[in-house]
Amino acid sequence: MFVQGIKQGFGTYHWSDGSRYEGTWYNDEMSGRGSFTWADGRSFQGEFKNGVMHGTGVYTWKDGRKYEG
C-alpha cells in the first residue's frame, strides 16, 4: 500500500535483481514482520527495523542450512 507515495502497511516489493520482500512497511522501509528472499536463493523470515533484519528470525541459505535466533 502507498500513502502519499510512501510504502506503508502490508505489501510485496520486487527489486530488479530478483530479490523480493513481503511484509510490513513503515515510512518506506521494511519494518515489523516480513520475509526477504535474495535473488541467489537465500532468505530471511522474521523481524525488520529501519529497513534491515532486526530481532528474531530464521535465515536460510540456498543449500538448506538454517540459523534461528
C-alpha atoms as a PDB file:
ATOM      1  CA  MET A   1       0.000   0.000   0.000  1.00  0.00           C
ATOM      2  CA  PHE A   2       1.186   3.525  -0.714  1.00  0.00           C
ATOM      3  CA  VAL A   3       0.299   6.548   1.394  1.00  0.00           C
ATOM      4  CA  GLN A   4       1.272   9.822  -0.291  1.00  0.00           C
ATOM      5  CA  GLY A   5       3.831   7.939  -2.430  1.00  0.00           C
ATOM      6  CA  ILE A   6       5.414   6.115   0.551  1.00  0.00           C
ATOM      7  CA  LYS A   7       5.232   2.349   1.150  1.00  0.00           C
ATOM      8  CA  GLN A   8       3.122   1.868   4.295  1.00  0.00           C
ATOM      9  CA  GLY A   9       1.342  -1.181   5.762  1.00  0.00           C
ATOM     10  CA  PHE A  10       1.467  -4.689   4.298  1.00  0.00           C
ATOM     11  CA  GLY A  11       2.811  -5.266   0.802  1.00  0.00           C
ATOM     12  CA  THR A  12       5.241  -7.003  -1.530  1.00  0.00           C
ATOM     13  CA  TYR A  13       8.135  -5.317  -3.324  1.00  0.00           C
ATOM     14  CA  HIS A  14      10.241  -6.866  -6.107  1.00  0.00           C
ATOM     15  CA  TRP A  15      13.713  -5.500  -6.927  1.00  0.00           C
ATOM     16  CA  SER A  16      15.085  -5.626 -10.482  1.00  0.00           C
ATOM     17  CA  ASP A  17      17.778  -8.147  -9.439  1.00  0.00           C
ATOM     18  CA  GLY A  18      15.081 -10.682  -8.469  1.00  0.00           C
ATOM     19  CA  SER A  19      15.081 -10.044  -4.716  1.00  0.00           C
ATOM     20  CA  ARG A  20      11.711  -9.758  -3.011  1.00  0.00           C
ATOM     21  CA  TYR A  21      10.274  -8.560   0.319  1.00  0.00           C
ATOM     22  CA  GLU A  22       6.807  -9.427   1.562  1.00  0.00           C
ATOM     23  CA  GLY A  23       5.707  -7.949   4.848  1.00  0.00           C
ATOM     24  CA  THR A  24       5.005  -4.717   6.633  1.00  0.00           C
ATOM     25  CA  TRP A  25       6.392  -1.321   5.719  1.00  0.00           C
ATOM     26  CA  TYR A  26       6.666   1.853   7.768  1.00  0.00           C
ATOM     27  CA  ASN A  27       7.746   5.182   6.258  1.00  0.00           C
ATOM     28  CA  ASP A  28       9.001   3.473   3.073  1.00  0.00           C
ATOM     29  CA  GLU A  29      11.206   0.970   4.974  1.00  0.00           C
ATOM     30  CA  MET A  30      10.846  -2.726   5.807  1.00  0.00           C
ATOM     31  CA  SER A  31       9.591  -2.725   9.388  1.00  0.00           C
ATOM     32  CA  GLY A  32       7.881  -5.364  11.524  1.00  0.00           C
ATOM     33  CA  ARG A  33       7.374  -8.979  10.404  1.00  0.00           C
ATOM     34  CA  GLY A  34       8.308  -9.991   6.896  1.00  0.00           C
ATOM     35  CA  SER A  35      10.126 -12.292   4.533  1.00  0.00           C
ATOM     36  CA  PHE A  36      13.060 -11.266   2.328  1.00  0.00           C
ATOM     37  CA  THR A  37      14.346 -13.532  -0.433  1.00  0.00           C
ATOM     38  CA  TRP A  38      17.572 -12.720  -2.257  1.00  0.00           C
ATOM     39  CA  ALA A  39      17.964 -13.471  -5.965  1.00  0.00           C
ATOM     40  CA  ASP A  40      20.540 -16.192  -5.158  1.00  0.00           C
ATOM     41  CA  GLY A  41      18.009 -18.199  -3.091  1.00  0.00           C
ATOM     42  CA  ARG A  42      18.898 -17.130   0.474  1.00  0.00           C
ATOM     43  CA  SER A  43      16.013 -15.961   2.642  1.00  0.00           C
ATOM     44  CA  PHE A  44      15.185 -14.393   5.981  1.00  0.00           C
ATOM     45  CA  GLN A  45      11.829 -14.638   7.708  1.00  0.00           C
ATOM     46  CA  GLY A  46      11.435 -12.595  10.836  1.00  0.00           C
ATOM     47  CA  GLU A  47      11.623  -9.079  12.151  1.00  0.00           C
ATOM     48  CA  PHE A  48      12.852  -5.950  10.388  1.00  0.00           C
ATOM     49  CA  LYS A  49      13.502  -2.436  11.662  1.00  0.00           C
ATOM     50  CA  ASN A  50      14.595   0.652   9.721  1.00  0.00           C
ATOM     51  CA  GLY A  51      14.946  -1.415   6.537  1.00  0.00           C
ATOM     52  CA  VAL A  52      17.252  -4.135   7.915  1.00  0.00           C
ATOM     53  CA  MET A  53      16.955  -7.505   9.678  1.00  0.00           C
ATOM     54  CA  HIS A  54      16.472  -6.834  13.368  1.00  0.00           C
ATOM     55  CA  GLY A  55      15.366  -9.136  16.164  1.00  0.00           C
ATOM     56  CA  THR A  56      14.437 -12.782  15.863  1.00  0.00           C
ATOM     57  CA  GLY A  57      14.056 -14.753  12.683  1.00  0.00           C
ATOM     58  CA  VAL A  58      15.195 -17.637  10.521  1.00  0.00           C
ATOM     59  CA  TYR A  59      17.983 -17.143   7.962  1.00  0.00           C
ATOM     60  CA  THR A  60      18.093 -19.911   5.338  1.00  0.00           C
ATOM     61  CA  TRP A  61      20.906 -20.500   2.861  1.00  0.00           C
ATOM     62  CA  LYS A  62      20.329 -21.841  -0.652  1.00  0.00           C
ATOM     63  CA  ASP A  63      21.723 -25.269   0.350  1.00  0.00           C
ATOM     64  CA  GLY A  64      19.152 -25.629   3.161  1.00  0.00           C
ATOM     65  CA  ARG A  65      21.293 -24.639   6.171  1.00  0.00           C
ATOM     66  CA  LYS A  66      19.389 -22.512   8.710  1.00  0.00           C
ATOM     67  CA  TYR A  67      20.152 -20.162  11.547  1.00  0.00           C
ATOM     68  CA  GLU A  68      17.369 -19.406  14.028  1.00  0.00           C
ATOM     69  CA  GLY A  69      17.680 -16.694  16.592  1.00  0.00           C
END
